[in-house]
Amino acid sequence: MKILIVENEIYLAGSMASKLADFGYDCEIAKSVKEALKFENFDVVLLSTTLPGQDFYPVIEKFKSSIIILLIAYINSDTVLKPIQAGAVDYIQKPFMIEELVRKIRHFEEFRGFKNEIKNYENYINFALKDYEIPCFEAKKIKFPLLLKSSKNGYSDKFIFNYVKANKTPFLFLGKACFSELEKALAQSGDELIYITNLEELKEDEKEKILELCKKKKVAIQTSDFAQSAPFEELELSIRDKNFDIGEIVTIDEYIKYIIVNYQDKFPDTELSKKLGISRKSLWEKRKKYDVSKKK
């Protein structure tokens, strides 16, 4: 990890660089703002706010993507509040122990790692769920417990992901847990949102017990059984799929509808009907039956 020390007290800067090197950090020293602005690409910037007659804000602006920790002699709005509002993340007051500085550096290093990790997870989830189209909803109006009915988990996954992101609420994903695990989790639940999937895989008596346990709790339960009822609010999500899962068994009608919807813009009717093994008249009848309109 590369660290830039912007400090006009040469002895202090040298001492910091030497001690930080013992912890495995690669340090450079800049005695002035002008000198600091010549450098590029540092993970951490240790910036003195008592550089005589110098405006240190250009350093904050240039290295705003870095972890900027202020080195201050005293605390006031000019040395702490305003620089932090400009982009610095923390401060340490002189004199200080090098161990305390290292602790701060490691803390923000770890925090940044978590932020990047979360961002990567969000990007992956958005990519994985992009083909699942669900109705728009106002997160604040959603009430729990809630039974989510969807032909595939992806629809309810997207619903919960959007809700959690909009409300910044913690949640516990149980997925295909067995009855005893679900029962235990519901009994110990706190303020977090519990998300359960595949209710249809439980036995009938287990379903009833789980639904009863969910009353007055912040729980969302997904099922692919659209006939399933619950003693609380229900929400039916989109059941129209753009893709079939590998190994999934669908009816002939579902397959033909899928092909028509997704390929009618790629092939003329003559070729599309030929690929399906039906006549053009049958293709027209299928569109009428499935309520599928052809784009002009």
Foldseek 3Di string as FASTA:
>chain_A
DEEEEAALPVVVQVVLCVVVVVVVYHYDYHNALVRLVVDDDGQEYEAELPNPPHDNLVVCVRVLVHAYEYEYQDDDCSRFVVSVVSRHPYYDHPPDDSVVVVVVVVVVVVVVVVVVVVVVVVVVLCVVLVQFDWDDDDLVPDDDDEEEAEQDVSNVVVVVVVSCVVVVFAEAEDEPHALVVLVVCLVPDDQGEYEYEALVPHDPVSSVVSLVSRPPHRYYYYHNPPVDDGPDHYDYIDHDGQDDDVPDDDDPLNVLVNCCQNCCVPDPLCVSCVVVVHDSVVVVVSCVVVVNDDDD
